[in-house]
Amino acid sequence: MATFISHSPADTIALGESWGRNAIPGLVIGLTGDLGAGKTQLVKGLAQGLGIATRVSSPTFALVNEYSGGRLRLFHLDLYRLDNRAQIEGAGLEEYLAPEGVAVIEWVEHWFGSAEAGDAFRPPLYRRVRFEITSPSSRQITYEDFGF
């Protein structure tokens, strides 16, 4: 497990950008953390690293935003409004567990449950990411890769 300390939104975007430059097709990134922890900032950086010029915003009400025009397509899911796996599967979101590009899932714990329980359901290429707010301007971002 790796840890990154972000001291600003720009730091979080830079981390995402480095991940985007190295992303491979089929990668699923699951994000957990409180509101305002920086999850969408990471996705903005990821899009930049993939070469996507479109403005990235949280898909809270759309559930999924899709971005193209870069090296790989980016699928940005936000499960905040869905409470459990049955609702998520009812929305037809399973296809994003093996994306033709990269999928980022905010509030992934709504789908997979806790980190331990989610291990049985994780995608083949998966990066589990946890955001913790450590001060008004700092975040601790821990992540672990599976299937690489």
C-alpha atoms as a PDB file:
ATOM      1  CA  MET A   1       0.000   0.000   0.000  1.00  0.00           C
ATOM      2  CA  ALA A   2       1.324   3.431  -0.907  1.00  0.00           C
ATOM      3  CA  THR A   3       0.609   6.802   0.706  1.00  0.00           C
ATOM      4  CA  PHE A   4       0.665  10.239  -0.892  1.00  0.00           C
ATOM      5  CA  ILE A   5       0.248  13.470   1.071  1.00  0.00           C
ATOM      6  CA  SER A   6      -1.473  16.185  -0.918  1.00  0.00           C
ATOM      7  CA  HIS A   7      -1.078  19.754   0.323  1.00  0.00           C
ATOM      8  CA  SER A   8      -3.359  21.296  -2.322  1.00  0.00           C
ATOM      9  CA  PRO A   9      -5.834  20.504  -5.090  1.00  0.00           C
ATOM     10  CA  ALA A  10      -2.917  21.005  -7.521  1.00  0.00           C
ATOM     11  CA  ASP A  11      -0.997  18.195  -5.763  1.00  0.00           C
ATOM     12  CA  THR A  12      -3.996  15.877  -6.074  1.00  0.00           C
ATOM     13  CA  ILE A  13      -4.435  16.765  -9.746  1.00  0.00           C
ATOM     14  CA  ALA A  14      -0.723  16.075 -10.344  1.00  0.00           C
ATOM     15  CA  LEU A  15      -1.052  12.617  -8.765  1.00  0.00           C
ATOM     16  CA  GLY A  16      -4.020  11.838 -10.993  1.00  0.00           C
ATOM     17  CA  GLU A  17      -2.161  13.113 -14.038  1.00  0.00           C
ATOM     18  CA  SER A  18       0.748  10.741 -13.370  1.00  0.00           C
ATOM     19  CA  TRP A  19      -1.711   7.849 -13.037  1.00  0.00           C
ATOM     20  CA  GLY A  20      -3.373   8.846 -16.314  1.00  0.00           C
ATOM     21  CA  ARG A  21      -0.072   8.835 -18.189  1.00  0.00           C
ATOM     22  CA  ASN A  22       0.516   5.231 -17.049  1.00  0.00           C
ATOM     23  CA  ALA A  23      -3.067   3.907 -17.176  1.00  0.00           C
ATOM     24  CA  ILE A  24      -3.833   0.756 -19.107  1.00  0.00           C
ATOM     25  CA  PRO A  25      -7.118  -0.384 -20.685  1.00  0.00           C
ATOM     26  CA  GLY A  26      -9.441  -2.143 -18.264  1.00  0.00           C
ATOM     27  CA  LEU A  27      -8.211  -0.277 -15.175  1.00  0.00           C
ATOM     28  CA  VAL A  28     -10.847   0.424 -12.534  1.00  0.00           C
ATOM     29  CA  ILE A  29     -10.040   2.930  -9.783  1.00  0.00           C
ATOM     30  CA  GLY A  30     -12.310   2.859  -6.736  1.00  0.00           C
ATOM     31  CA  LEU A  31     -12.380   6.012  -4.595  1.00  0.00           C
ATOM     32  CA  THR A  32     -13.577   6.382  -1.017  1.00  0.00           C
ATOM     33  CA  GLY A  33     -13.500   9.447   1.202  1.00  0.00           C
ATOM     34  CA  ASP A  34     -15.649  12.198   2.619  1.00  0.00           C
ATOM     35  CA  LEU A  35     -17.290  14.946   0.593  1.00  0.00           C
ATOM     36  CA  GLY A  36     -14.671  17.544  -0.312  1.00  0.00           C
ATOM     37  CA  ALA A  37     -11.754  15.146   0.160  1.00  0.00           C
ATOM     38  CA  GLY A  38     -10.458  15.597  -3.396  1.00  0.00           C
ATOM     39  CA  LYS A  39     -11.872  12.641  -5.321  1.00  0.00           C
ATOM     40  CA  THR A  40     -12.999  14.700  -8.305  1.00  0.00           C
ATOM     41  CA  GLN A  41      -9.697  16.609  -8.329  1.00  0.00           C
ATOM     42  CA  LEU A  42      -7.903  13.291  -8.782  1.00  0.00           C
ATOM     43  CA  VAL A  43     -10.204  12.435 -11.698  1.00  0.00           C
ATOM     44  CA  LYS A  44      -9.462  15.823 -13.305  1.00  0.00           C
ATOM     45  CA  GLY A  45      -5.755  15.013 -13.178  1.00  0.00           C
ATOM     46  CA  LEU A  46      -6.349  11.510 -14.517  1.00  0.00           C
ATOM     47  CA  ALA A  47      -8.170  12.987 -17.506  1.00  0.00           C
ATOM     48  CA  GLN A  48      -5.271  15.372 -18.128  1.00  0.00           C
ATOM     49  CA  GLY A  49      -2.815  12.470 -17.998  1.00  0.00           C
ATOM     50  CA  LEU A  50      -4.918  10.587 -20.537  1.00  0.00           C
ATOM     51  CA  GLY A  51      -4.832  13.633 -22.827  1.00  0.00           C
ATOM     52  CA  ILE A  52      -8.525  14.481 -22.418  1.00  0.00           C
ATOM     53  CA  ALA A  53      -9.118  18.201 -22.855  1.00  0.00           C
ATOM     54  CA  THR A  54     -12.801  18.226 -21.835  1.00  0.00           C
ATOM     55  CA  ARG A  55     -13.727  19.806 -18.483  1.00  0.00           C
ATOM     56  CA  VAL A  56     -14.296  17.101 -15.857  1.00  0.00           C
ATOM     57  CA  SER A  57     -17.096  17.450 -13.325  1.00  0.00           C
ATOM     58  CA  SER A  58     -18.687  15.116 -10.800  1.00  0.00           C
ATOM     59  CA  PRO A  59     -21.477  12.969 -12.279  1.00  0.00           C
ATOM     60  CA  THR A  60     -23.529  12.948  -9.060  1.00  0.00           C
ATOM     61  CA  PHE A  61     -26.863  13.349 -10.843  1.00  0.00           C
ATOM     62  CA  ALA A  62     -25.979  11.598 -14.126  1.00  0.00           C
ATOM     63  CA  LEU A  63     -24.254   8.632 -12.383  1.00  0.00           C
ATOM     64  CA  VAL A  64     -21.723   8.349 -15.255  1.00  0.00           C
ATOM     65  CA  ASN A  65     -19.796  10.896 -17.292  1.00  0.00           C
ATOM     66  CA  GLU A  66     -17.864   9.597 -20.275  1.00  0.00           C
ATOM     67  CA  TYR A  67     -14.861  11.419 -21.702  1.00  0.00           C
ATOM     68  CA  SER A  68     -13.084  10.679 -24.958  1.00  0.00           C
ATOM     69  CA  GLY A  69     -10.486  12.392 -27.104  1.00  0.00           C
ATOM     70  CA  GLY A  70      -7.515  11.082 -25.149  1.00  0.00           C
ATOM     71  CA  ARG A  71      -5.291   8.047 -25.257  1.00  0.00           C
ATOM     72  CA  LEU A  72      -8.045   6.004 -23.536  1.00  0.00           C
ATOM     73  CA  ARG A  73     -11.713   6.683 -22.807  1.00  0.00           C
ATOM     74  CA  LEU A  74     -12.505   7.688 -19.245  1.00  0.00           C
ATOM     75  CA  PHE A  75     -15.694   6.651 -17.452  1.00  0.00           C
ATOM     76  CA  HIS A  76     -16.357   8.618 -14.256  1.00  0.00           C
ATOM     77  CA  LEU A  77     -19.017   7.122 -11.997  1.00  0.00           C
ATOM     78  CA  ASP A  78     -20.442   8.661  -8.827  1.00  0.00           C
ATOM     79  CA  LEU A  79     -22.442   6.298  -6.630  1.00  0.00           C
ATOM     80  CA  TYR A  80     -23.229   8.806  -3.875  1.00  0.00           C
ATOM     81  CA  ARG A  81     -26.992   8.663  -4.483  1.00  0.00           C
ATOM     82  CA  LEU A  82     -27.134   4.860  -4.709  1.00  0.00           C
ATOM     83  CA  ASP A  83     -27.252   2.959  -1.439  1.00  0.00           C
ATOM     84  CA  ASN A  84     -26.408  -0.649  -2.273  1.00  0.00           C
ATOM     85  CA  ARG A  85     -25.268  -3.186  -4.837  1.00  0.00           C
ATOM     86  CA  ALA A  86     -28.837  -4.015  -5.930  1.00  0.00           C
ATOM     87  CA  GLN A  87     -29.525  -0.384  -6.889  1.00  0.00           C
ATOM     88  CA  ILE A  88     -26.193  -0.124  -8.702  1.00  0.00           C
ATOM     89  CA  GLU A  89     -26.717  -3.334 -10.638  1.00  0.00           C
ATOM     90  CA  GLY A  90     -30.303  -2.235 -11.359  1.00  0.00           C
ATOM     91  CA  ALA A  91     -28.829   0.884 -12.980  1.00  0.00           C
ATOM     92  CA  GLY A  92     -26.816  -1.373 -15.325  1.00  0.00           C
ATOM     93  CA  LEU A  93     -23.378  -0.232 -14.212  1.00  0.00           C
ATOM     94  CA  GLU A  94     -21.644  -3.660 -14.222  1.00  0.00           C
ATOM     95  CA  GLU A  95     -20.085  -3.002 -17.637  1.00  0.00           C
ATOM     96  CA  TYR A  96     -17.765  -0.472 -16.000  1.00  0.00           C
ATOM     97  CA  LEU A  97     -16.028  -3.231 -14.015  1.00  0.00           C
ATOM     98  CA  ALA A  98     -14.242  -4.205 -17.254  1.00  0.00           C
ATOM     99  CA  PRO A  99     -14.120  -0.925 -19.167  1.00  0.00           C
ATOM    100  CA  GLU A 100     -12.829  -0.291 -22.655  1.00  0.00           C
ATOM    101  CA  GLY A 101     -10.625   2.408 -21.202  1.00  0.00           C
ATOM    102  CA  VAL A 102     -10.405   3.490 -17.562  1.00  0.00           C
ATOM    103  CA  ALA A 103     -13.265   3.645 -15.062  1.00  0.00           C
ATOM    104  CA  VAL A 104     -13.143   5.704 -11.877  1.00  0.00           C
ATOM    105  CA  ILE A 105     -15.841   4.999  -9.298  1.00  0.00           C
ATOM    106  CA  GLU A 106     -16.462   7.555  -6.551  1.00  0.00           C
ATOM    107  CA  TRP A 107     -18.149   6.150  -3.426  1.00  0.00           C
ATOM    108  CA  VAL A 108     -17.116   2.639  -4.520  1.00  0.00           C
ATOM    109  CA  GLU A 109     -17.933   1.329  -1.035  1.00  0.00           C
ATOM    110  CA  HIS A 110     -21.634   1.601  -1.977  1.00  0.00           C
ATOM    111  CA  TRP A 111     -20.964  -1.147  -4.537  1.00  0.00           C
ATOM    112  CA  PHE A 112     -18.257  -3.288  -2.989  1.00  0.00           C
ATOM    113  CA  GLY A 113     -18.875  -2.631   0.706  1.00  0.00           C
ATOM    114  CA  SER A 114     -15.915  -2.406   3.043  1.00  0.00           C
ATOM    115  CA  ALA A 115     -12.397  -2.949   1.731  1.00  0.00           C
ATOM    116  CA  GLU A 116     -12.312  -6.473   3.134  1.00  0.00           C
ATOM    117  CA  ALA A 117     -15.739  -7.495   1.825  1.00  0.00           C
ATOM    118  CA  GLY A 118     -15.038  -5.811  -1.496  1.00  0.00           C
ATOM    119  CA  ASP A 119     -12.017  -7.979  -2.183  1.00  0.00           C
ATOM    120  CA  ALA A 120     -14.296 -10.763  -3.390  1.00  0.00           C
ATOM    121  CA  PHE A 121     -15.913  -8.419  -5.929  1.00  0.00           C
ATOM    122  CA  ARG A 122     -13.041  -6.325  -7.186  1.00  0.00           C
ATOM    123  CA  PRO A 123     -12.363  -6.017 -10.922  1.00  0.00           C
ATOM    124  CA  PRO A 124      -9.361  -7.772 -12.535  1.00  0.00           C
ATOM    125  CA  LEU A 125      -7.270  -4.544 -12.730  1.00  0.00           C
ATOM    126  CA  TYR A 126      -8.151  -2.502  -9.687  1.00  0.00           C
ATOM    127  CA  ARG A 127      -6.661   0.379  -7.716  1.00  0.00           C
ATOM    128  CA  ARG A 128      -8.329   0.947  -4.338  1.00  0.00           C
ATOM    129  CA  VAL A 129      -7.907   4.549  -3.144  1.00  0.00           C
ATOM    130  CA  ARG A 130      -8.818   6.114   0.199  1.00  0.00           C
ATOM    131  CA  PHE A 131      -8.860   9.866   0.873  1.00  0.00           C
ATOM    132  CA  GLU A 132      -8.530  11.187   4.404  1.00  0.00           C
ATOM    133  CA  ILE A 133      -8.827  14.892   5.227  1.00  0.00           C
ATOM    134  CA  THR A 134      -5.921  15.648   7.576  1.00  0.00           C
ATOM    135  CA  SER A 135      -6.297  19.458   7.630  1.00  0.00           C
ATOM    136  CA  PRO A 136      -8.231  22.094   5.670  1.00  0.00           C
ATOM    137  CA  SER A 137      -5.540  22.001   2.956  1.00  0.00           C
ATOM    138  CA  SER A 138      -4.030  18.500   3.298  1.00  0.00           C
ATOM    139  CA  ARG A 139      -5.188  15.040   2.303  1.00  0.00           C
ATOM    140  CA  GLN A 140      -3.676  11.638   2.913  1.00  0.00           C
ATOM    141  CA  ILE A 141      -4.285   9.465  -0.139  1.00  0.00           C
ATOM    142  CA  THR A 142      -3.562   5.768   0.313  1.00  0.00           C
ATOM    143  CA  TYR A 143      -3.816   3.319  -2.550  1.00  0.00           C
ATOM    144  CA  GLU A 144      -3.254  -0.310  -3.350  1.00  0.00           C
ATOM    145  CA  ASP A 145      -3.164  -2.111  -6.707  1.00  0.00           C
ATOM    146  CA  PHE A 146      -4.611  -5.534  -7.484  1.00  0.00           C
ATOM    147  CA  GLY A 147      -4.159  -7.575 -10.666  1.00  0.00           C
ATOM    148  CA  PHE A 148      -1.178  -5.670 -12.051  1.00  0.00           C
END
